[in-house]
Amino acid sequence: MASFLYVTGLKEVLDQTHDITAATNKVMLVKSGYVQDPDNDLVDAGGADDALDHELTVSGYTGGHGGAGRKAWGTITVTANKTDNRADVGVGADLTWTSLATGETIAGAILINEAGGADTSTRLLCYWDITDTPTTGGDVTLDFTPSASGGNIRISV
């Protein structure tokens, strides 16, 4: 599936329930098998197929609310791109997970707002579909540096 914004997450960014530039915005990694749905709201909505159920579990990645495997998204910028009629949201640095043990395949990355003290209140904001990447004991880096063509999230008008 393609990358997308979660519907409620987008609504809450737009109505300022969640600050897209806040330090509580993090990126979590999910394994193949995660069924992406823009209508999902929370990392843990109590079901058996939530993002939490598909979060990476290999040694070197500590998932769950407040887990060190979830990386802060860095310094966030929001710019108006009048040439392409959109708003671009970008972050100025790559994210690297080091020494991820062999055994799982990373299929996606999810931007979350980890406010509220638990995954049952952690909002899903954006899903990035990435090339399936097996963990092999080495580092995994996701390139979040905005290209000349815009940010990591683009909201067109």
N, C-alpha and C. Protein backbone atom coordinates (compact mmCIF):
# COMPACT_ATOMS: atom_id res chain seq x y z
N MET A 1 0.85 -1.18 0.00
CA MET A 1 0.00 0.00 0.00
C MET A 1 0.89 1.24 0.00
N ALA A 2 0.39 2.31 -0.51
CA ALA A 2 1.14 3.57 -0.56
C ALA A 2 1.17 4.26 0.80
N SER A 3 2.02 5.23 0.90
CA SER A 3 2.10 6.05 2.11
C SER A 3 0.85 6.93 2.20
N PHE A 4 0.46 7.28 3.42
CA PHE A 4 -0.76 8.08 3.60
C PHE A 4 -0.79 8.74 4.96
N LEU A 5 -1.74 9.64 5.15
CA LEU A 5 -2.02 10.25 6.44
C LEU A 5 -3.23 9.54 7.06
N TYR A 6 -3.17 9.30 8.36
CA TYR A 6 -4.32 8.74 9.06
C TYR A 6 -5.35 9.85 9.21
N VAL A 7 -6.61 9.55 8.94
CA VAL A 7 -7.67 10.56 8.85
C VAL A 7 -7.82 11.35 10.15
N THR A 8 -7.99 10.67 11.27
CA THR A 8 -8.19 11.38 12.54
C THR A 8 -6.92 12.12 12.94
N GLY A 9 -5.76 11.54 12.69
CA GLY A 9 -4.51 12.22 12.98
C GLY A 9 -4.39 13.52 12.21
N LEU A 10 -4.71 13.50 10.92
CA LEU A 10 -4.68 14.72 10.11
C LEU A 10 -5.67 15.74 10.64
N LYS A 11 -6.87 15.32 10.95
CA LYS A 11 -7.89 16.23 11.48
C LYS A 11 -7.39 16.90 12.76
N GLU A 12 -6.75 16.12 13.64
CA GLU A 12 -6.30 16.66 14.91
C GLU A 12 -5.05 17.53 14.78
N VAL A 13 -4.25 17.33 13.74
CA VAL A 13 -3.16 18.26 13.46
C VAL A 13 -3.76 19.57 12.97
N LEU A 14 -4.74 19.49 12.08
CA LEU A 14 -5.35 20.70 11.53
C LEU A 14 -6.13 21.50 12.56
N ASP A 15 -6.81 20.82 13.50
CA ASP A 15 -7.55 21.58 14.52
C ASP A 15 -6.70 21.86 15.76
N GLN A 16 -5.40 21.54 15.69
CA GLN A 16 -4.40 21.83 16.71
C GLN A 16 -4.56 21.03 18.00
N THR A 17 -5.26 19.91 17.92
CA THR A 17 -5.28 18.99 19.05
C THR A 17 -3.87 18.43 19.25
N HIS A 18 -3.17 18.17 18.14
CA HIS A 18 -1.79 17.68 18.17
C HIS A 18 -0.90 18.68 17.44
N ASP A 19 0.22 19.00 18.03
CA ASP A 19 1.19 19.91 17.43
C ASP A 19 2.19 19.09 16.62
N ILE A 20 2.19 19.26 15.30
CA ILE A 20 3.06 18.48 14.42
C ILE A 20 4.53 18.77 14.70
N THR A 21 4.84 19.87 15.37
CA THR A 21 6.23 20.20 15.68
C THR A 21 6.64 19.79 17.10
N ALA A 22 5.78 19.06 17.81
CA ALA A 22 6.04 18.69 19.21
C ALA A 22 7.08 17.58 19.34
N ALA A 23 7.74 17.57 20.48
CA ALA A 23 8.76 16.55 20.76
C ALA A 23 8.17 15.16 20.94
N THR A 24 6.87 15.06 21.16
CA THR A 24 6.25 13.75 21.35
C THR A 24 5.98 13.03 20.03
N ASN A 25 6.30 13.67 18.91
CA ASN A 25 6.14 12.99 17.62
C ASN A 25 7.34 12.09 17.39
N LYS A 26 7.06 10.81 17.16
CA LYS A 26 8.12 9.82 17.00
C LYS A 26 7.80 8.92 15.81
N VAL A 27 8.81 8.17 15.40
CA VAL A 27 8.64 7.20 14.32
C VAL A 27 8.83 5.81 14.90
N MET A 28 7.84 4.95 14.65
CA MET A 28 7.93 3.55 15.06
C MET A 28 8.01 2.69 13.79
N LEU A 29 8.62 1.53 13.90
CA LEU A 29 8.77 0.63 12.77
C LEU A 29 7.81 -0.55 12.91
N VAL A 30 7.19 -0.94 11.80
CA VAL A 30 6.29 -2.08 11.81
C VAL A 30 6.76 -3.13 10.81
N LYS A 31 6.43 -4.37 11.14
CA LYS A 31 6.83 -5.52 10.34
C LYS A 31 5.85 -5.73 9.18
N SER A 32 6.28 -6.58 8.25
CA SER A 32 5.38 -7.01 7.20
C SER A 32 4.22 -7.74 7.88
N GLY A 33 3.06 -7.65 7.32
CA GLY A 33 1.88 -8.23 7.94
C GLY A 33 0.96 -7.18 8.54
N TYR A 34 1.50 -5.98 8.80
CA TYR A 34 0.66 -4.89 9.30
C TYR A 34 -0.30 -4.46 8.19
N VAL A 35 -1.57 -4.46 8.50
CA VAL A 35 -2.58 -4.03 7.54
C VAL A 35 -2.85 -2.56 7.78
N GLN A 36 -2.33 -1.72 6.86
CA GLN A 36 -2.45 -0.28 7.00
C GLN A 36 -3.88 0.15 6.65
N ASP A 37 -4.41 1.04 7.47
CA ASP A 37 -5.76 1.54 7.24
C ASP A 37 -5.81 3.00 7.70
N PRO A 38 -6.05 3.94 6.77
CA PRO A 38 -6.08 5.36 7.15
C PRO A 38 -7.18 5.70 8.15
N ASP A 39 -8.13 4.78 8.36
CA ASP A 39 -9.20 5.02 9.33
C ASP A 39 -8.81 4.61 10.75
N ASN A 40 -7.66 3.94 10.93
CA ASN A 40 -7.21 3.60 12.28
C ASN A 40 -6.82 4.87 13.01
N ASP A 41 -6.96 4.86 14.34
CA ASP A 41 -6.72 6.06 15.14
C ASP A 41 -5.54 5.95 16.09
N LEU A 42 -5.39 4.80 16.76
CA LEU A 42 -4.44 4.68 17.86
C LEU A 42 -3.46 3.54 17.65
N VAL A 43 -2.28 3.67 18.24
CA VAL A 43 -1.29 2.60 18.17
C VAL A 43 -1.86 1.32 18.75
N ASP A 44 -2.60 1.45 19.85
CA ASP A 44 -3.25 0.29 20.48
C ASP A 44 -4.71 0.62 20.73
N ALA A 45 -5.56 0.19 19.81
CA ALA A 45 -7.00 0.45 19.95
C ALA A 45 -7.71 -0.73 20.61
N GLY A 46 -6.96 -1.72 21.08
CA GLY A 46 -7.55 -2.84 21.78
C GLY A 46 -7.83 -4.04 20.89
N GLY A 47 -7.56 -3.92 19.61
CA GLY A 47 -7.79 -5.04 18.70
C GLY A 47 -6.58 -5.95 18.62
N ALA A 48 -6.74 -7.01 17.82
CA ALA A 48 -5.66 -7.99 17.68
C ALA A 48 -4.75 -7.67 16.51
N ASP A 49 -5.02 -6.61 15.77
CA ASP A 49 -4.24 -6.32 14.58
C ASP A 49 -3.83 -4.85 14.52
N ASP A 50 -3.61 -4.26 15.69
CA ASP A 50 -3.21 -2.86 15.77
C ASP A 50 -1.74 -2.69 15.38
N ALA A 51 -1.33 -1.45 15.18
CA ALA A 51 0.07 -1.16 14.87
C ALA A 51 0.98 -1.75 15.95
N LEU A 52 0.57 -1.66 17.21
CA LEU A 52 1.36 -2.19 18.31
C LEU A 52 1.64 -3.68 18.13
N ASP A 53 0.67 -4.42 17.61
CA ASP A 53 0.81 -5.86 17.42
C ASP A 53 1.83 -6.20 16.34
N HIS A 54 2.18 -5.22 15.51
CA HIS A 54 3.12 -5.46 14.41
C HIS A 54 4.41 -4.65 14.55
N GLU A 55 4.59 -4.01 15.71
CA GLU A 55 5.81 -3.26 15.93
C GLU A 55 7.00 -4.22 16.02
N LEU A 56 8.13 -3.77 15.55
CA LEU A 56 9.35 -4.57 15.58
C LEU A 56 9.62 -5.08 16.99
N THR A 57 10.13 -6.30 17.10
CA THR A 57 10.41 -6.89 18.42
C THR A 57 11.82 -7.45 18.52
N VAL A 58 12.65 -7.25 17.51
CA VAL A 58 14.00 -7.82 17.55
C VAL A 58 14.86 -7.10 18.58
N SER A 59 15.91 -7.78 19.02
CA SER A 59 16.89 -7.18 19.92
C SER A 59 17.50 -5.96 19.24
N GLY A 60 17.63 -4.88 19.99
CA GLY A 60 18.13 -3.62 19.45
C GLY A 60 17.02 -2.62 19.21
N TYR A 61 15.76 -3.08 19.31
CA TYR A 61 14.61 -2.19 19.14
C TYR A 61 13.68 -2.44 20.32
N THR A 62 13.46 -1.41 21.12
CA THR A 62 12.53 -1.53 22.25
C THR A 62 11.28 -0.75 21.91
N GLY A 63 10.20 -1.46 21.63
CA GLY A 63 8.94 -0.84 21.26
C GLY A 63 8.09 -0.50 22.46
N GLY A 64 6.84 -0.20 22.20
CA GLY A 64 5.93 0.16 23.26
C GLY A 64 6.07 1.62 23.64
N HIS A 65 5.07 2.14 24.34
CA HIS A 65 5.05 3.55 24.71
C HIS A 65 6.31 3.90 25.49
N GLY A 66 7.02 4.91 25.01
CA GLY A 66 8.25 5.35 25.66
C GLY A 66 9.46 4.50 25.33
N GLY A 67 9.29 3.47 24.51
CA GLY A 67 10.40 2.59 24.16
C GLY A 67 11.46 3.30 23.34
N ALA A 68 12.72 2.95 23.58
CA ALA A 68 13.84 3.60 22.90
C ALA A 68 13.86 3.30 21.40
N GLY A 69 13.13 2.29 20.95
CA GLY A 69 13.07 1.99 19.52
C GLY A 69 12.31 3.03 18.74
N ARG A 70 11.44 3.74 19.40
CA ARG A 70 10.67 4.82 18.76
C ARG A 70 11.54 6.08 18.77
N LYS A 71 11.86 6.56 17.59
CA LYS A 71 12.79 7.68 17.46
C LYS A 71 12.06 9.01 17.31
N ALA A 72 12.54 10.02 18.02
CA ALA A 72 12.00 11.38 17.86
C ALA A 72 12.22 11.82 16.42
N TRP A 73 11.23 12.49 15.87
CA TRP A 73 11.24 12.84 14.45
C TRP A 73 12.14 14.02 14.14
N GLY A 74 12.73 14.65 15.12
CA GLY A 74 13.68 15.74 14.88
C GLY A 74 13.01 17.09 14.71
N THR A 75 13.80 18.05 14.22
CA THR A 75 13.32 19.41 14.02
C THR A 75 12.39 19.43 12.81
N ILE A 76 11.17 19.82 13.04
CA ILE A 76 10.14 19.77 12.00
C ILE A 76 9.91 21.16 11.44
N THR A 77 9.79 21.22 10.13
CA THR A 77 9.48 22.48 9.45
C THR A 77 8.20 22.31 8.65
N VAL A 78 7.44 23.37 8.59
CA VAL A 78 6.23 23.39 7.78
C VAL A 78 6.34 24.60 6.86
N THR A 79 6.26 24.35 5.55
CA THR A 79 6.39 25.44 4.59
C THR A 79 5.27 25.40 3.56
N ALA A 80 4.94 26.57 3.06
CA ALA A 80 3.96 26.67 1.97
C ALA A 80 4.70 26.52 0.65
N ASN A 81 4.28 25.58 -0.17
CA ASN A 81 4.89 25.34 -1.47
C ASN A 81 3.88 25.80 -2.52
N LYS A 82 3.94 27.08 -2.88
CA LYS A 82 2.97 27.65 -3.82
C LYS A 82 3.19 27.16 -5.24
N THR A 83 4.41 26.77 -5.57
CA THR A 83 4.70 26.26 -6.91
C THR A 83 3.88 25.00 -7.18
N ASP A 84 3.81 24.10 -6.18
CA ASP A 84 3.11 22.83 -6.35
C ASP A 84 1.75 22.80 -5.64
N ASN A 85 1.32 23.96 -5.10
CA ASN A 85 0.02 24.08 -4.44
C ASN A 85 -0.15 23.08 -3.29
N ARG A 86 0.79 23.14 -2.35
CA ARG A 86 0.69 22.23 -1.22
C ARG A 86 1.47 22.78 -0.03
N ALA A 87 1.22 22.20 1.13
CA ALA A 87 2.03 22.45 2.32
C ALA A 87 2.98 21.28 2.48
N ASP A 88 4.25 21.56 2.74
CA ASP A 88 5.25 20.52 2.91
C ASP A 88 5.68 20.49 4.37
N VAL A 89 5.67 19.29 4.96
CA VAL A 89 6.13 19.08 6.32
C VAL A 89 7.38 18.23 6.21
N GLY A 90 8.48 18.72 6.78
CA GLY A 90 9.73 17.98 6.66
C GLY A 90 10.50 17.95 7.95
N VAL A 91 11.44 17.05 8.00
CA VAL A 91 12.34 16.93 9.13
C VAL A 91 13.76 16.93 8.58
N GLY A 92 14.66 17.55 9.28
CA GLY A 92 15.97 17.79 8.72
C GLY A 92 17.02 16.73 8.94
N ALA A 93 16.66 15.52 9.35
CA ALA A 93 17.69 14.52 9.61
C ALA A 93 17.16 13.11 9.37
N ASP A 94 18.07 12.22 9.00
CA ASP A 94 17.73 10.81 8.87
C ASP A 94 17.56 10.22 10.27
N LEU A 95 16.92 9.06 10.33
CA LEU A 95 16.81 8.32 11.59
C LEU A 95 17.51 6.98 11.40
N THR A 96 18.32 6.59 12.38
CA THR A 96 19.05 5.33 12.31
C THR A 96 18.77 4.48 13.54
N TRP A 97 18.43 3.24 13.29
CA TRP A 97 18.28 2.24 14.34
C TRP A 97 19.52 1.35 14.24
N THR A 98 20.26 1.20 15.34
CA THR A 98 21.54 0.49 15.28
C THR A 98 21.42 -0.95 15.77
N SER A 99 22.18 -1.80 15.11
CA SER A 99 22.34 -3.22 15.51
C SER A 99 21.01 -3.93 15.73
N LEU A 100 20.13 -3.86 14.75
CA LEU A 100 18.85 -4.57 14.86
C LEU A 100 19.08 -6.05 14.54
N ALA A 101 18.79 -6.90 15.50
CA ALA A 101 19.07 -8.33 15.37
C ALA A 101 18.34 -8.95 14.18
N THR A 102 18.89 -10.02 13.67
CA THR A 102 18.31 -10.77 12.56
C THR A 102 16.96 -11.35 12.97
N GLY A 103 16.02 -11.39 12.01
CA GLY A 103 14.80 -12.14 12.29
C GLY A 103 13.48 -11.53 11.87
N GLU A 104 13.44 -10.26 11.54
CA GLU A 104 12.16 -9.66 11.14
C GLU A 104 12.35 -8.81 9.89
N THR A 105 11.25 -8.47 9.24
CA THR A 105 11.30 -7.63 8.06
C THR A 105 10.52 -6.35 8.32
N ILE A 106 11.19 -5.23 8.19
CA ILE A 106 10.55 -3.92 8.36
C ILE A 106 9.81 -3.60 7.06
N ALA A 107 8.53 -3.28 7.18
CA ALA A 107 7.72 -2.98 6.00
C ALA A 107 7.21 -1.55 5.97
N GLY A 108 7.23 -0.88 7.13
CA GLY A 108 6.71 0.48 7.17
C GLY A 108 7.19 1.23 8.39
N ALA A 109 7.01 2.54 8.32
CA ALA A 109 7.32 3.43 9.43
C ALA A 109 6.08 4.28 9.68
N ILE A 110 5.80 4.52 10.95
CA ILE A 110 4.60 5.28 11.30
C ILE A 110 4.99 6.46 12.17
N LEU A 111 4.56 7.65 11.77
CA LEU A 111 4.71 8.84 12.61
C LEU A 111 3.56 8.83 13.61
N ILE A 112 3.92 8.91 14.88
CA ILE A 112 2.92 8.88 15.95
C ILE A 112 3.10 10.09 16.85
N ASN A 113 2.03 10.44 17.56
CA ASN A 113 2.12 11.46 18.60
C ASN A 113 2.00 10.72 19.92
N GLU A 114 3.14 10.53 20.59
CA GLU A 114 3.20 9.68 21.78
C GLU A 114 2.87 10.44 23.05
N ALA A 115 1.86 11.27 23.00
CA ALA A 115 1.40 11.98 24.19
C ALA A 115 0.37 11.10 24.90
N GLY A 116 0.10 11.41 26.14
CA GLY A 116 -0.98 10.75 26.84
C GLY A 116 -0.58 9.61 27.75
N GLY A 117 0.65 9.16 27.73
CA GLY A 117 1.11 8.19 28.71
C GLY A 117 0.92 6.72 28.38
N ALA A 118 0.25 6.40 27.26
CA ALA A 118 0.04 4.99 26.90
C ALA A 118 -0.24 4.87 25.41
N ASP A 119 0.00 3.68 24.87
CA ASP A 119 -0.29 3.46 23.45
C ASP A 119 -1.79 3.52 23.15
N THR A 120 -2.61 3.35 24.17
CA THR A 120 -4.07 3.46 23.97
C THR A 120 -4.50 4.90 23.75
N SER A 121 -3.58 5.86 23.94
CA SER A 121 -3.89 7.26 23.65
C SER A 121 -2.86 7.87 22.69
N THR A 122 -2.02 7.03 22.09
CA THR A 122 -1.01 7.49 21.13
C THR A 122 -1.60 7.51 19.74
N ARG A 123 -1.68 8.71 19.17
CA ARG A 123 -2.33 8.93 17.88
C ARG A 123 -1.44 8.53 16.71
N LEU A 124 -2.02 7.84 15.74
CA LEU A 124 -1.36 7.54 14.47
C LEU A 124 -1.50 8.77 13.57
N LEU A 125 -0.39 9.24 12.99
CA LEU A 125 -0.44 10.45 12.16
C LEU A 125 -0.17 10.16 10.68
N CYS A 126 0.89 9.42 10.38
CA CYS A 126 1.30 9.22 9.00
C CYS A 126 1.95 7.85 8.85
N TYR A 127 1.66 7.17 7.74
CA TYR A 127 2.27 5.88 7.45
C TYR A 127 3.13 6.01 6.21
N TRP A 128 4.37 5.53 6.30
CA TRP A 128 5.26 5.48 5.13
C TRP A 128 5.49 4.03 4.76
N ASP A 129 5.11 3.67 3.55
CA ASP A 129 5.39 2.35 3.02
C ASP A 129 6.84 2.34 2.55
N ILE A 130 7.64 1.44 3.08
CA ILE A 130 9.05 1.38 2.69
C ILE A 130 9.33 0.02 2.07
N THR A 131 10.40 -0.05 1.31
CA THR A 131 10.82 -1.32 0.73
C THR A 131 11.09 -2.30 1.86
N ASP A 132 10.54 -3.52 1.75
CA ASP A 132 10.77 -4.52 2.79
C ASP A 132 12.26 -4.64 3.08
N THR A 133 12.60 -4.49 4.35
CA THR A 133 14.00 -4.46 4.77
C THR A 133 14.21 -5.48 5.88
N PRO A 134 14.85 -6.60 5.58
CA PRO A 134 15.11 -7.58 6.64
C PRO A 134 16.14 -7.04 7.64
N THR A 135 15.93 -7.35 8.91
CA THR A 135 16.92 -7.00 9.91
C THR A 135 18.02 -8.07 9.85
N THR A 136 19.27 -7.61 9.90
CA THR A 136 20.40 -8.54 9.69
C THR A 136 21.48 -8.40 10.75
N GLY A 137 21.19 -7.69 11.82
CA GLY A 137 22.19 -7.45 12.85
C GLY A 137 22.89 -6.11 12.67
N GLY A 138 22.63 -5.44 11.55
CA GLY A 138 23.26 -4.16 11.28
C GLY A 138 22.32 -3.00 11.54
N ASP A 139 22.74 -1.84 11.05
CA ASP A 139 21.96 -0.62 11.20
C ASP A 139 20.93 -0.49 10.08
N VAL A 140 19.83 0.19 10.39
CA VAL A 140 18.81 0.53 9.41
C VAL A 140 18.61 2.04 9.49
N THR A 141 18.75 2.72 8.35
CA THR A 141 18.58 4.16 8.30
C THR A 141 17.45 4.50 7.36
N LEU A 142 16.55 5.36 7.82
CA LEU A 142 15.50 5.90 6.96
C LEU A 142 15.86 7.34 6.63
N ASP A 143 15.82 7.67 5.35
CA ASP A 143 16.19 9.00 4.87
C ASP A 143 14.98 9.92 5.00
N PHE A 144 15.02 10.79 6.01
CA PHE A 144 13.95 11.75 6.22
C PHE A 144 14.37 13.16 5.83
N THR A 145 15.53 13.30 5.22
CA THR A 145 15.96 14.62 4.79
C THR A 145 15.11 15.05 3.61
N PRO A 146 14.40 16.17 3.71
CA PRO A 146 13.54 16.60 2.60
C PRO A 146 14.35 16.81 1.32
N SER A 147 13.79 16.34 0.23
CA SER A 147 14.45 16.55 -1.06
C SER A 147 14.10 17.94 -1.58
N ALA A 148 14.70 18.29 -2.70
CA ALA A 148 14.41 19.59 -3.32
C ALA A 148 12.95 19.69 -3.74
N SER A 149 12.29 18.54 -3.87
CA SER A 149 10.89 18.56 -4.33
C SER A 149 9.90 18.69 -3.18
N GLY A 150 10.37 18.83 -1.94
CA GLY A 150 9.43 19.06 -0.84
C GLY A 150 9.69 18.22 0.38
N GLY A 151 8.75 18.22 1.31
CA GLY A 151 8.89 17.58 2.60
C GLY A 151 8.55 16.10 2.59
N ASN A 152 8.55 15.53 3.79
CA ASN A 152 8.25 14.12 3.98
C ASN A 152 6.75 13.87 3.98
N ILE A 153 5.99 14.89 4.30
CA ILE A 153 4.52 14.83 4.23
C ILE A 153 4.08 15.97 3.36
N ARG A 154 3.23 15.69 2.42
CA ARG A 154 2.73 16.75 1.53
C ARG A 154 1.22 16.76 1.56
N ILE A 155 0.67 17.93 1.83
CA ILE A 155 -0.78 18.08 1.86
C ILE A 155 -1.15 19.01 0.71
N SER A 156 -1.77 18.44 -0.32
CA SER A 156 -2.10 19.20 -1.51
C SER A 156 -3.44 19.91 -1.38
N VAL A 157 -3.55 21.04 -2.10
CA VAL A 157 -4.81 21.77 -2.12
C VAL A 157 -5.39 21.76 -3.52
